[in-house]
Amino acid sequence: MNIGFANTIDAIANCYPVMAELRPHIVLEDFVEQVIRMQENHQYQLVYLNESGIKAVAGVRMAEWLYTGKYLEVEDLITAADYRSKGYGGILFDWICNYAREVQCNQVRLVSGVQREHAHRFYLNKGMKFEAKYFSLNL
């Protein structure tokens, strides 16, 4: 089993089939371009778990708030449908938390859509707590 950052065009493209299960509106070419742009401009990293193929993928981004200090935000954590409930998502999540500790973050955060109740149970079982409401305004 290998967990690492997708830092090449090929590695990013290899993550696409799994990420497309969560974000089907993004086509491969746009996905690769957007990930590269986010890596260059927004401290974004695409993380993957590979065991005879990509089984789980997540985007992570470091930031800092006055409220909590430095934190790592998990974006778009997804396990391939055929491999859910086999521990891959949990292994990747734990790796992300350990990475956050290594880079001296005070907290791991994430935003999850209100409809994703199964994911919410996963995060709560991982020790996360519901502590805020997230608001948005489409422009």
N, C-alpha and C. Protein backbone atom coordinates (compact mmCIF):
# COMPACT_ATOMS: atom_id res chain seq x y z
N MET A 1 0.85 -1.18 0.00
CA MET A 1 0.00 0.00 0.00
C MET A 1 0.89 1.23 0.00
N ASN A 2 0.54 2.19 -0.83
CA ASN A 2 1.31 3.42 -0.95
C ASN A 2 0.36 4.61 -0.83
N ILE A 3 0.74 5.58 -0.01
CA ILE A 3 -0.01 6.83 0.11
C ILE A 3 0.96 7.96 -0.21
N GLY A 4 0.54 8.87 -1.06
CA GLY A 4 1.42 9.97 -1.42
C GLY A 4 0.67 11.09 -2.10
N PHE A 5 1.43 12.10 -2.48
CA PHE A 5 0.87 13.26 -3.16
C PHE A 5 0.96 13.07 -4.67
N ALA A 6 -0.07 13.44 -5.36
CA ALA A 6 -0.09 13.40 -6.82
C ALA A 6 0.53 14.70 -7.32
N ASN A 7 1.80 14.65 -7.69
CA ASN A 7 2.53 15.86 -8.06
C ASN A 7 2.90 15.93 -9.54
N THR A 8 2.45 14.97 -10.32
CA THR A 8 2.71 14.99 -11.75
C THR A 8 1.38 14.94 -12.49
N ILE A 9 1.41 15.30 -13.75
CA ILE A 9 0.18 15.26 -14.55
C ILE A 9 -0.37 13.84 -14.59
N ASP A 10 0.49 12.85 -14.78
CA ASP A 10 0.03 11.46 -14.83
C ASP A 10 -0.58 11.02 -13.50
N ALA A 11 0.06 11.38 -12.39
CA ALA A 11 -0.46 11.00 -11.08
C ALA A 11 -1.82 11.66 -10.82
N ILE A 12 -1.94 12.91 -11.20
CA ILE A 12 -3.23 13.61 -11.03
C ILE A 12 -4.30 12.93 -11.88
N ALA A 13 -3.97 12.65 -13.13
CA ALA A 13 -4.93 12.00 -14.03
C ALA A 13 -5.33 10.62 -13.51
N ASN A 14 -4.40 9.90 -12.90
CA ASN A 14 -4.72 8.58 -12.34
C ASN A 14 -5.71 8.66 -11.18
N CYS A 15 -5.77 9.79 -10.50
CA CYS A 15 -6.72 9.99 -9.40
C CYS A 15 -8.11 10.34 -9.90
N TYR A 16 -8.20 10.77 -11.14
CA TYR A 16 -9.47 11.28 -11.67
C TYR A 16 -10.63 10.28 -11.59
N PRO A 17 -10.48 9.01 -12.00
CA PRO A 17 -11.65 8.12 -11.97
C PRO A 17 -12.30 8.02 -10.59
N VAL A 18 -11.49 8.03 -9.53
CA VAL A 18 -12.05 7.96 -8.18
C VAL A 18 -12.71 9.30 -7.83
N MET A 19 -12.01 10.40 -8.08
CA MET A 19 -12.58 11.72 -7.76
C MET A 19 -13.85 11.99 -8.55
N ALA A 20 -13.92 11.47 -9.78
CA ALA A 20 -15.11 11.69 -10.62
C ALA A 20 -16.35 11.05 -10.03
N GLU A 21 -16.20 10.07 -9.15
CA GLU A 21 -17.37 9.49 -8.48
C GLU A 21 -18.04 10.52 -7.56
N LEU A 22 -17.24 11.43 -7.03
CA LEU A 22 -17.77 12.48 -6.16
C LEU A 22 -18.07 13.75 -6.94
N ARG A 23 -17.26 14.03 -7.94
CA ARG A 23 -17.39 15.26 -8.72
C ARG A 23 -17.56 14.92 -10.21
N PRO A 24 -18.69 14.30 -10.58
CA PRO A 24 -18.86 13.84 -11.96
C PRO A 24 -19.00 14.97 -12.98
N HIS A 25 -19.23 16.18 -12.52
CA HIS A 25 -19.39 17.31 -13.44
C HIS A 25 -18.06 17.80 -14.02
N ILE A 26 -16.94 17.33 -13.47
CA ILE A 26 -15.63 17.78 -13.94
C ILE A 26 -15.06 16.74 -14.91
N VAL A 27 -14.69 17.16 -16.10
CA VAL A 27 -14.07 16.26 -17.07
C VAL A 27 -12.57 16.17 -16.78
N LEU A 28 -11.95 15.11 -17.27
CA LEU A 28 -10.55 14.82 -16.96
C LEU A 28 -9.63 16.00 -17.22
N GLU A 29 -9.72 16.60 -18.40
CA GLU A 29 -8.81 17.69 -18.76
C GLU A 29 -8.95 18.86 -17.80
N ASP A 30 -10.19 19.22 -17.47
CA ASP A 30 -10.42 20.32 -16.54
C ASP A 30 -9.94 19.97 -15.13
N PHE A 31 -10.11 18.72 -14.74
CA PHE A 31 -9.66 18.27 -13.42
C PHE A 31 -8.16 18.45 -13.28
N VAL A 32 -7.41 17.96 -14.27
CA VAL A 32 -5.95 18.07 -14.21
C VAL A 32 -5.53 19.53 -14.17
N GLU A 33 -6.10 20.35 -15.04
CA GLU A 33 -5.74 21.78 -15.07
C GLU A 33 -6.08 22.46 -13.75
N GLN A 34 -7.25 22.16 -13.19
CA GLN A 34 -7.66 22.82 -11.94
C GLN A 34 -6.78 22.38 -10.78
N VAL A 35 -6.46 21.11 -10.68
CA VAL A 35 -5.60 20.64 -9.59
C VAL A 35 -4.23 21.32 -9.69
N ILE A 36 -3.66 21.39 -10.88
CA ILE A 36 -2.36 22.05 -11.05
C ILE A 36 -2.45 23.51 -10.62
N ARG A 37 -3.50 24.19 -11.04
CA ARG A 37 -3.68 25.60 -10.68
C ARG A 37 -3.83 25.76 -9.16
N MET A 38 -4.60 24.88 -8.54
CA MET A 38 -4.78 24.94 -7.09
C MET A 38 -3.49 24.64 -6.35
N GLN A 39 -2.69 23.71 -6.88
CA GLN A 39 -1.39 23.41 -6.27
C GLN A 39 -0.47 24.62 -6.33
N GLU A 40 -0.50 25.33 -7.44
CA GLU A 40 0.38 26.48 -7.62
C GLU A 40 -0.05 27.69 -6.80
N ASN A 41 -1.34 27.87 -6.61
CA ASN A 41 -1.85 29.12 -6.04
C ASN A 41 -2.46 29.01 -4.64
N HIS A 42 -2.77 27.81 -4.19
CA HIS A 42 -3.59 27.73 -2.97
C HIS A 42 -3.13 26.69 -1.96
N GLN A 43 -1.88 26.28 -1.99
CA GLN A 43 -1.36 25.29 -1.05
C GLN A 43 -2.19 24.01 -1.06
N TYR A 44 -2.72 23.65 -2.20
CA TYR A 44 -3.55 22.46 -2.35
C TYR A 44 -2.68 21.27 -2.71
N GLN A 45 -3.01 20.11 -2.16
CA GLN A 45 -2.35 18.86 -2.52
C GLN A 45 -3.40 17.79 -2.73
N LEU A 46 -3.20 16.98 -3.74
CA LEU A 46 -4.05 15.83 -3.99
C LEU A 46 -3.34 14.61 -3.43
N VAL A 47 -3.99 13.89 -2.54
CA VAL A 47 -3.41 12.74 -1.86
C VAL A 47 -4.15 11.48 -2.33
N TYR A 48 -3.41 10.41 -2.55
CA TYR A 48 -4.05 9.18 -3.00
C TYR A 48 -3.53 7.98 -2.22
N LEU A 49 -4.37 6.97 -2.14
CA LEU A 49 -4.00 5.68 -1.58
C LEU A 49 -4.03 4.69 -2.73
N ASN A 50 -2.88 4.04 -2.96
CA ASN A 50 -2.74 3.10 -4.07
C ASN A 50 -2.42 1.72 -3.50
N GLU A 51 -3.26 0.77 -3.84
CA GLU A 51 -2.98 -0.64 -3.54
C GLU A 51 -3.48 -1.42 -4.75
N SER A 52 -2.59 -1.69 -5.67
CA SER A 52 -2.96 -2.31 -6.95
C SER A 52 -4.01 -1.44 -7.65
N GLY A 53 -3.80 -0.15 -7.63
CA GLY A 53 -4.71 0.83 -8.21
C GLY A 53 -5.14 1.84 -7.17
N ILE A 54 -5.61 2.98 -7.63
CA ILE A 54 -6.04 4.05 -6.72
C ILE A 54 -7.36 3.63 -6.07
N LYS A 55 -7.37 3.57 -4.76
CA LYS A 55 -8.56 3.16 -4.02
C LYS A 55 -9.27 4.34 -3.35
N ALA A 56 -8.51 5.38 -2.97
CA ALA A 56 -9.09 6.54 -2.28
C ALA A 56 -8.27 7.77 -2.61
N VAL A 57 -8.95 8.92 -2.63
CA VAL A 57 -8.33 10.19 -3.00
C VAL A 57 -8.91 11.28 -2.10
N ALA A 58 -8.07 12.27 -1.79
CA ALA A 58 -8.54 13.45 -1.05
C ALA A 58 -7.73 14.66 -1.47
N GLY A 59 -8.36 15.79 -1.42
CA GLY A 59 -7.66 17.05 -1.56
C GLY A 59 -7.44 17.61 -0.17
N VAL A 60 -6.28 18.19 0.08
CA VAL A 60 -6.00 18.83 1.36
C VAL A 60 -5.37 20.19 1.10
N ARG A 61 -5.60 21.08 2.03
CA ARG A 61 -5.10 22.44 1.89
C ARG A 61 -4.78 22.97 3.28
N MET A 62 -3.59 23.58 3.41
CA MET A 62 -3.23 24.21 4.68
C MET A 62 -3.66 25.67 4.66
N ALA A 63 -4.10 26.11 5.80
CA ALA A 63 -4.49 27.50 5.95
C ALA A 63 -4.33 27.88 7.42
N GLU A 64 -4.67 29.10 7.73
CA GLU A 64 -4.54 29.57 9.10
C GLU A 64 -5.68 30.53 9.40
N TRP A 65 -6.28 30.36 10.56
CA TRP A 65 -7.33 31.24 11.04
C TRP A 65 -6.90 31.82 12.38
N LEU A 66 -7.39 33.00 12.68
CA LEU A 66 -7.16 33.56 14.01
C LEU A 66 -7.76 32.66 15.08
N TYR A 67 -8.88 32.05 14.77
CA TYR A 67 -9.62 31.22 15.72
C TYR A 67 -8.83 29.99 16.17
N THR A 68 -8.23 29.27 15.23
CA THR A 68 -7.59 28.00 15.57
C THR A 68 -6.11 27.93 15.24
N GLY A 69 -5.60 28.93 14.57
CA GLY A 69 -4.22 28.84 14.11
C GLY A 69 -4.13 28.02 12.84
N LYS A 70 -2.99 27.38 12.63
CA LYS A 70 -2.74 26.61 11.41
C LYS A 70 -3.58 25.33 11.42
N TYR A 71 -4.22 25.05 10.29
CA TYR A 71 -5.02 23.84 10.18
C TYR A 71 -4.89 23.25 8.78
N LEU A 72 -5.26 22.00 8.68
CA LEU A 72 -5.30 21.31 7.40
C LEU A 72 -6.77 21.02 7.09
N GLU A 73 -7.22 21.49 5.95
CA GLU A 73 -8.60 21.23 5.54
C GLU A 73 -8.62 20.07 4.56
N VAL A 74 -9.48 19.12 4.82
CA VAL A 74 -9.68 17.99 3.93
C VAL A 74 -10.81 18.35 2.97
N GLU A 75 -10.53 18.18 1.69
CA GLU A 75 -11.53 18.46 0.66
C GLU A 75 -11.76 17.18 -0.14
N ASP A 76 -12.97 16.88 -0.42
CA ASP A 76 -13.31 15.84 -1.40
C ASP A 76 -12.73 14.46 -1.10
N LEU A 77 -12.78 14.02 0.13
CA LEU A 77 -12.31 12.67 0.47
C LEU A 77 -13.30 11.65 -0.11
N ILE A 78 -12.77 10.73 -0.93
CA ILE A 78 -13.63 9.74 -1.59
C ILE A 78 -12.88 8.42 -1.73
N THR A 79 -13.60 7.33 -1.49
CA THR A 79 -13.10 5.99 -1.76
C THR A 79 -13.87 5.46 -2.96
N ALA A 80 -13.18 4.77 -3.85
CA ALA A 80 -13.84 4.18 -5.02
C ALA A 80 -14.98 3.27 -4.55
N ALA A 81 -16.10 3.33 -5.25
CA ALA A 81 -17.32 2.63 -4.84
C ALA A 81 -17.09 1.15 -4.56
N ASP A 82 -16.31 0.49 -5.38
CA ASP A 82 -16.09 -0.96 -5.21
C ASP A 82 -15.25 -1.29 -3.97
N TYR A 83 -14.64 -0.28 -3.36
CA TYR A 83 -13.74 -0.52 -2.23
C TYR A 83 -14.20 0.14 -0.94
N ARG A 84 -15.42 0.67 -0.92
CA ARG A 84 -15.92 1.29 0.31
C ARG A 84 -16.17 0.23 1.38
N SER A 85 -16.06 0.68 2.62
CA SER A 85 -16.24 -0.17 3.80
C SER A 85 -15.18 -1.27 3.89
N LYS A 86 -14.04 -1.04 3.29
CA LYS A 86 -12.92 -1.99 3.38
C LYS A 86 -11.73 -1.36 4.10
N GLY A 87 -11.92 -0.14 4.64
CA GLY A 87 -10.88 0.50 5.44
C GLY A 87 -10.00 1.49 4.72
N TYR A 88 -10.11 1.59 3.40
CA TYR A 88 -9.22 2.48 2.65
C TYR A 88 -9.43 3.95 3.02
N GLY A 89 -10.67 4.38 3.13
CA GLY A 89 -10.94 5.77 3.50
C GLY A 89 -10.39 6.09 4.88
N GLY A 90 -10.55 5.17 5.81
CA GLY A 90 -10.04 5.37 7.16
C GLY A 90 -8.52 5.43 7.20
N ILE A 91 -7.87 4.58 6.43
CA ILE A 91 -6.41 4.61 6.37
C ILE A 91 -5.93 5.93 5.79
N LEU A 92 -6.58 6.38 4.71
CA LEU A 92 -6.18 7.66 4.12
C LEU A 92 -6.45 8.82 5.08
N PHE A 93 -7.59 8.81 5.74
CA PHE A 93 -7.90 9.87 6.71
C PHE A 93 -6.87 9.90 7.83
N ASP A 94 -6.51 8.74 8.36
CA ASP A 94 -5.50 8.68 9.43
C ASP A 94 -4.15 9.20 8.94
N TRP A 95 -3.77 8.86 7.71
CA TRP A 95 -2.52 9.35 7.14
C TRP A 95 -2.55 10.88 7.05
N ILE A 96 -3.68 11.42 6.63
CA ILE A 96 -3.83 12.88 6.52
C ILE A 96 -3.67 13.52 7.90
N CYS A 97 -4.28 12.93 8.91
CA CYS A 97 -4.15 13.48 10.27
C CYS A 97 -2.71 13.43 10.75
N ASN A 98 -2.01 12.35 10.47
CA ASN A 98 -0.59 12.26 10.85
C ASN A 98 0.24 13.29 10.09
N TYR A 99 -0.06 13.49 8.82
CA TYR A 99 0.64 14.51 8.04
C TYR A 99 0.39 15.90 8.64
N ALA A 100 -0.84 16.18 9.04
CA ALA A 100 -1.16 17.47 9.65
C ALA A 100 -0.34 17.69 10.92
N ARG A 101 -0.18 16.65 11.71
CA ARG A 101 0.66 16.75 12.91
C ARG A 101 2.11 17.05 12.53
N GLU A 102 2.61 16.36 11.51
CA GLU A 102 4.00 16.54 11.07
C GLU A 102 4.29 17.97 10.62
N VAL A 103 3.30 18.60 9.98
CA VAL A 103 3.50 19.98 9.50
C VAL A 103 2.98 21.00 10.52
N GLN A 104 2.77 20.53 11.75
CA GLN A 104 2.45 21.36 12.91
C GLN A 104 1.14 22.11 12.79
N CYS A 105 0.12 21.42 12.27
CA CYS A 105 -1.22 22.00 12.27
C CYS A 105 -1.86 21.75 13.63
N ASN A 106 -2.71 22.67 14.03
CA ASN A 106 -3.43 22.54 15.30
C ASN A 106 -4.73 21.77 15.15
N GLN A 107 -5.20 21.63 13.91
CA GLN A 107 -6.53 21.06 13.71
C GLN A 107 -6.64 20.51 12.29
N VAL A 108 -7.48 19.50 12.13
CA VAL A 108 -7.92 19.03 10.83
C VAL A 108 -9.38 19.41 10.71
N ARG A 109 -9.72 20.01 9.58
CA ARG A 109 -11.09 20.48 9.36
C ARG A 109 -11.59 19.93 8.04
N LEU A 110 -12.89 19.93 7.87
CA LEU A 110 -13.47 19.62 6.57
C LEU A 110 -14.90 20.14 6.52
N VAL A 111 -15.36 20.31 5.30
CA VAL A 111 -16.74 20.70 5.04
C VAL A 111 -17.37 19.54 4.30
N SER A 112 -18.56 19.13 4.72
CA SER A 112 -19.25 18.02 4.07
C SER A 112 -20.69 18.43 3.80
N GLY A 113 -21.17 18.15 2.61
CA GLY A 113 -22.54 18.51 2.25
C GLY A 113 -23.56 17.91 3.21
N VAL A 114 -24.61 18.65 3.48
CA VAL A 114 -25.60 18.22 4.47
C VAL A 114 -26.26 16.89 4.10
N GLN A 115 -26.29 16.54 2.83
CA GLN A 115 -26.93 15.31 2.38
C GLN A 115 -26.05 14.07 2.57
N ARG A 116 -24.79 14.24 2.90
CA ARG A 116 -23.84 13.13 2.95
C ARG A 116 -23.78 12.49 4.35
N GLU A 117 -24.92 11.99 4.81
CA GLU A 117 -25.03 11.47 6.18
C GLU A 117 -24.10 10.28 6.43
N HIS A 118 -23.90 9.43 5.43
CA HIS A 118 -22.99 8.30 5.61
C HIS A 118 -21.56 8.80 5.88
N ALA A 119 -21.16 9.82 5.13
CA ALA A 119 -19.83 10.42 5.35
C ALA A 119 -19.74 11.04 6.73
N HIS A 120 -20.84 11.66 7.17
CA HIS A 120 -20.83 12.30 8.50
C HIS A 120 -20.59 11.26 9.59
N ARG A 121 -21.22 10.10 9.47
CA ARG A 121 -20.99 9.03 10.45
C ARG A 121 -19.52 8.61 10.46
N PHE A 122 -18.94 8.52 9.26
CA PHE A 122 -17.52 8.17 9.16
C PHE A 122 -16.67 9.18 9.92
N TYR A 123 -16.90 10.48 9.68
CA TYR A 123 -16.09 11.52 10.32
C TYR A 123 -16.30 11.54 11.83
N LEU A 124 -17.53 11.36 12.27
CA LEU A 124 -17.79 11.31 13.71
C LEU A 124 -17.10 10.10 14.34
N ASN A 125 -17.13 8.97 13.66
CA ASN A 125 -16.44 7.78 14.17
C ASN A 125 -14.93 7.96 14.20
N LYS A 126 -14.41 8.86 13.41
CA LYS A 126 -12.98 9.17 13.40
C LYS A 126 -12.62 10.19 14.48
N GLY A 127 -13.61 10.62 15.26
CA GLY A 127 -13.33 11.54 16.36
C GLY A 127 -13.56 13.01 16.04
N MET A 128 -14.02 13.29 14.83
CA MET A 128 -14.30 14.69 14.49
C MET A 128 -15.58 15.11 15.21
N LYS A 129 -15.74 16.40 15.36
CA LYS A 129 -16.97 16.90 15.98
C LYS A 129 -17.59 17.97 15.09
N PHE A 130 -18.89 18.04 15.17
CA PHE A 130 -19.64 19.05 14.44
C PHE A 130 -19.57 20.34 15.27
N GLU A 131 -18.94 21.39 14.72
CA GLU A 131 -18.73 22.59 15.53
C GLU A 131 -19.13 23.88 14.86
N ALA A 132 -19.58 23.85 13.62
CA ALA A 132 -19.93 25.10 12.96
C ALA A 132 -20.93 24.82 11.84
N LYS A 133 -21.55 25.88 11.37
CA LYS A 133 -22.36 25.82 10.16
C LYS A 133 -21.62 26.58 9.08
N TYR A 134 -21.69 26.07 7.88
CA TYR A 134 -20.97 26.63 6.74
C TYR A 134 -21.99 27.34 5.86
N PHE A 135 -21.71 28.56 5.52
CA PHE A 135 -22.62 29.35 4.68
C PHE A 135 -21.93 29.66 3.37
N SER A 136 -22.72 29.80 2.30
CA SER A 136 -22.16 30.17 1.01
C SER A 136 -23.14 31.07 0.27
N LEU A 137 -22.61 31.78 -0.70
CA LEU A 137 -23.41 32.67 -1.55
C LEU A 137 -22.87 32.52 -2.96
N ASN A 138 -23.66 31.96 -3.86
CA ASN A 138 -23.24 31.84 -5.25
C ASN A 138 -23.25 33.20 -5.91
N LEU A 139 -22.21 33.51 -6.63
CA LEU A 139 -22.10 34.80 -7.32
C LEU A 139 -22.11 34.62 -8.82
